[in-house]
Amino acid sequence: MKKNMGVADKAIRVLIAIVIAALYYFNVIEGTLAYVLMALALIFLITSFISFCPLYKPFGISTNKSEEK
């Protein structure tokens, strides 16, 4: 697995995951929508920690600036 996510991309994903978790905690989202968004938040966190997004690979996208040198 070659890293294809940059620092800004990872930070944005973690921030979105935190916002979704906060919305769930404060009961702003509930039901099926809450479960779908929490699953998305979990995926965002996992991809951020491993610095690899599987959806970027088929499209040849890479936000990792250190790999482009």
N, C-alpha and C. Protein backbone atom coordinates (compact mmCIF):
# COMPACT_ATOMS: atom_id res chain seq x y z
N MET A 1 0.83 -1.18 0.00
CA MET A 1 0.00 0.00 0.00
C MET A 1 0.87 1.24 0.00
N LYS A 2 0.81 1.99 -1.06
CA LYS A 2 1.55 3.23 -1.17
C LYS A 2 0.69 4.37 -0.63
N LYS A 3 1.24 5.18 0.24
CA LYS A 3 0.49 6.29 0.83
C LYS A 3 0.06 7.26 -0.26
N ASN A 4 -1.23 7.63 -0.25
CA ASN A 4 -1.73 8.56 -1.26
C ASN A 4 -2.53 9.72 -0.65
N MET A 5 -2.36 9.94 0.66
CA MET A 5 -3.06 11.04 1.32
C MET A 5 -2.08 11.98 1.98
N GLY A 6 -2.28 13.27 1.75
CA GLY A 6 -1.43 14.29 2.35
C GLY A 6 -1.94 14.70 3.72
N VAL A 7 -1.19 15.57 4.35
CA VAL A 7 -1.51 16.03 5.71
C VAL A 7 -2.84 16.78 5.75
N ALA A 8 -3.08 17.66 4.81
CA ALA A 8 -4.33 18.43 4.79
C ALA A 8 -5.53 17.52 4.58
N ASP A 9 -5.40 16.55 3.69
CA ASP A 9 -6.47 15.60 3.42
C ASP A 9 -6.82 14.80 4.67
N LYS A 10 -5.80 14.34 5.38
CA LYS A 10 -6.01 13.57 6.61
C LYS A 10 -6.67 14.44 7.68
N ALA A 11 -6.23 15.68 7.81
CA ALA A 11 -6.78 16.58 8.83
C ALA A 11 -8.26 16.87 8.56
N ILE A 12 -8.60 17.07 7.30
CA ILE A 12 -10.00 17.33 6.95
C ILE A 12 -10.87 16.13 7.27
N ARG A 13 -10.38 14.94 6.96
CA ARG A 13 -11.15 13.72 7.25
C ARG A 13 -11.35 13.53 8.75
N VAL A 14 -10.33 13.78 9.54
CA VAL A 14 -10.46 13.64 11.00
C VAL A 14 -11.44 14.68 11.54
N LEU A 15 -11.36 15.90 11.03
CA LEU A 15 -12.28 16.96 11.46
C LEU A 15 -13.73 16.60 11.13
N ILE A 16 -13.97 16.08 9.94
CA ILE A 16 -15.32 15.66 9.56
C ILE A 16 -15.82 14.54 10.48
N ALA A 17 -14.94 13.59 10.79
CA ALA A 17 -15.32 12.50 11.69
C ALA A 17 -15.68 13.02 13.08
N ILE A 18 -14.92 13.98 13.56
CA ILE A 18 -15.21 14.58 14.88
C ILE A 18 -16.55 15.30 14.87
N VAL A 19 -16.82 16.03 13.80
CA VAL A 19 -18.11 16.74 13.69
C VAL A 19 -19.27 15.75 13.67
N ILE A 20 -19.13 14.67 12.91
CA ILE A 20 -20.20 13.66 12.86
C ILE A 20 -20.41 13.04 14.23
N ALA A 21 -19.32 12.72 14.93
CA ALA A 21 -19.43 12.15 16.27
C ALA A 21 -20.12 13.12 17.23
N ALA A 22 -19.79 14.41 17.12
CA ALA A 22 -20.42 15.41 17.98
C ALA A 22 -21.92 15.54 17.67
N LEU A 23 -22.27 15.51 16.41
CA LEU A 23 -23.69 15.58 16.03
C LEU A 23 -24.45 14.39 16.58
N TYR A 24 -23.83 13.22 16.55
CA TYR A 24 -24.47 12.03 17.11
C TYR A 24 -24.58 12.14 18.63
N TYR A 25 -23.53 12.60 19.28
CA TYR A 25 -23.51 12.72 20.74
C TYR A 25 -24.59 13.67 21.24
N PHE A 26 -24.79 14.78 20.53
CA PHE A 26 -25.78 15.77 20.94
C PHE A 26 -27.15 15.52 20.32
N ASN A 27 -27.36 14.33 19.77
CA ASN A 27 -28.66 13.89 19.22
C ASN A 27 -29.19 14.78 18.11
N VAL A 28 -28.30 15.37 17.35
CA VAL A 28 -28.72 16.16 16.19
C VAL A 28 -29.08 15.21 15.05
N ILE A 29 -28.31 14.13 14.94
CA ILE A 29 -28.62 13.10 13.96
C ILE A 29 -29.00 11.83 14.71
N GLU A 30 -29.95 11.09 14.17
CA GLU A 30 -30.37 9.85 14.82
C GLU A 30 -30.93 8.89 13.79
N GLY A 31 -31.17 7.69 14.21
CA GLY A 31 -31.74 6.68 13.33
C GLY A 31 -30.74 6.18 12.29
N THR A 32 -31.28 5.83 11.14
CA THR A 32 -30.47 5.27 10.05
C THR A 32 -29.40 6.25 9.58
N LEU A 33 -29.75 7.51 9.49
CA LEU A 33 -28.78 8.53 9.06
C LEU A 33 -27.58 8.55 10.00
N ALA A 34 -27.82 8.44 11.28
CA ALA A 34 -26.74 8.45 12.26
C ALA A 34 -25.81 7.27 12.05
N TYR A 35 -26.37 6.09 11.81
CA TYR A 35 -25.54 4.89 11.60
C TYR A 35 -24.72 4.99 10.32
N VAL A 36 -25.32 5.52 9.27
CA VAL A 36 -24.61 5.67 8.00
C VAL A 36 -23.48 6.68 8.16
N LEU A 37 -23.75 7.81 8.79
CA LEU A 37 -22.72 8.83 8.98
C LEU A 37 -21.62 8.37 9.93
N MET A 38 -21.98 7.60 10.95
CA MET A 38 -20.96 7.08 11.86
C MET A 38 -20.06 6.08 11.15
N ALA A 39 -20.64 5.28 10.26
CA ALA A 39 -19.83 4.35 9.46
C ALA A 39 -18.88 5.13 8.57
N LEU A 40 -19.37 6.20 7.96
CA LEU A 40 -18.53 7.06 7.12
C LEU A 40 -17.42 7.69 7.96
N ALA A 41 -17.74 8.13 9.15
CA ALA A 41 -16.73 8.73 10.03
C ALA A 41 -15.66 7.71 10.40
N LEU A 42 -16.07 6.48 10.66
CA LEU A 42 -15.11 5.42 10.98
C LEU A 42 -14.19 5.15 9.79
N ILE A 43 -14.75 5.11 8.61
CA ILE A 43 -13.94 4.92 7.39
C ILE A 43 -12.96 6.08 7.23
N PHE A 44 -13.43 7.30 7.45
CA PHE A 44 -12.54 8.47 7.37
C PHE A 44 -11.39 8.35 8.35
N LEU A 45 -11.67 7.94 9.58
CA LEU A 45 -10.61 7.81 10.59
C LEU A 45 -9.60 6.72 10.20
N ILE A 46 -10.10 5.59 9.76
CA ILE A 46 -9.20 4.50 9.37
C ILE A 46 -8.30 4.91 8.21
N THR A 47 -8.89 5.50 7.18
CA THR A 47 -8.08 5.92 6.03
C THR A 47 -7.09 7.01 6.40
N SER A 48 -7.46 7.86 7.34
CA SER A 48 -6.54 8.91 7.79
C SER A 48 -5.35 8.33 8.53
N PHE A 49 -5.59 7.35 9.38
CA PHE A 49 -4.50 6.76 10.16
C PHE A 49 -3.54 5.94 9.32
N ILE A 50 -4.05 5.30 8.24
CA ILE A 50 -3.15 4.51 7.40
C ILE A 50 -2.66 5.29 6.19
N SER A 51 -3.13 6.53 6.02
CA SER A 51 -2.72 7.43 4.93
C SER A 51 -2.95 6.84 3.54
N PHE A 52 -4.00 6.05 3.41
CA PHE A 52 -4.31 5.43 2.13
C PHE A 52 -5.82 5.44 1.91
N CYS A 53 -6.24 5.96 0.76
CA CYS A 53 -7.65 5.95 0.39
C CYS A 53 -7.81 5.03 -0.82
N PRO A 54 -8.54 3.93 -0.67
CA PRO A 54 -8.70 3.00 -1.79
C PRO A 54 -9.42 3.60 -2.99
N LEU A 55 -10.27 4.60 -2.78
CA LEU A 55 -10.97 5.22 -3.89
C LEU A 55 -10.07 6.12 -4.73
N TYR A 56 -8.95 6.58 -4.18
CA TYR A 56 -8.02 7.40 -4.94
C TYR A 56 -7.24 6.58 -5.96
N LYS A 57 -6.98 5.32 -5.65
CA LYS A 57 -6.11 4.48 -6.47
C LYS A 57 -6.61 4.31 -7.92
N PRO A 58 -7.88 3.92 -8.16
CA PRO A 58 -8.31 3.72 -9.54
C PRO A 58 -8.28 5.01 -10.38
N PHE A 59 -8.41 6.15 -9.71
CA PHE A 59 -8.42 7.42 -10.43
C PHE A 59 -7.04 8.07 -10.51
N GLY A 60 -6.06 7.46 -9.87
CA GLY A 60 -4.70 7.98 -9.90
C GLY A 60 -4.52 9.26 -9.10
N ILE A 61 -5.35 9.47 -8.09
CA ILE A 61 -5.29 10.67 -7.27
C ILE A 61 -4.31 10.45 -6.12
N SER A 62 -3.50 11.45 -5.84
CA SER A 62 -2.61 11.42 -4.69
C SER A 62 -2.46 12.83 -4.15
N THR A 63 -2.78 13.01 -2.87
CA THR A 63 -2.59 14.33 -2.24
C THR A 63 -1.34 14.34 -1.39
N ASN A 64 -0.57 13.27 -1.46
CA ASN A 64 0.67 13.15 -0.70
C ASN A 64 1.79 13.85 -1.45
N LYS A 65 2.19 15.02 -0.98
CA LYS A 65 3.20 15.82 -1.66
C LYS A 65 4.60 15.20 -1.56
N SER A 66 4.89 14.44 -0.52
CA SER A 66 6.21 13.86 -0.37
C SER A 66 6.48 12.77 -1.41
N GLU A 67 5.44 12.15 -1.95
CA GLU A 67 5.59 11.10 -2.96
C GLU A 67 5.83 11.69 -4.35
N GLU A 68 5.45 12.95 -4.56
CA GLU A 68 5.53 13.55 -5.88
C GLU A 68 6.90 14.09 -6.22
N LYS A 69 7.83 14.12 -5.28
CA LYS A 69 9.16 14.68 -5.53
C LYS A 69 10.00 13.79 -6.39
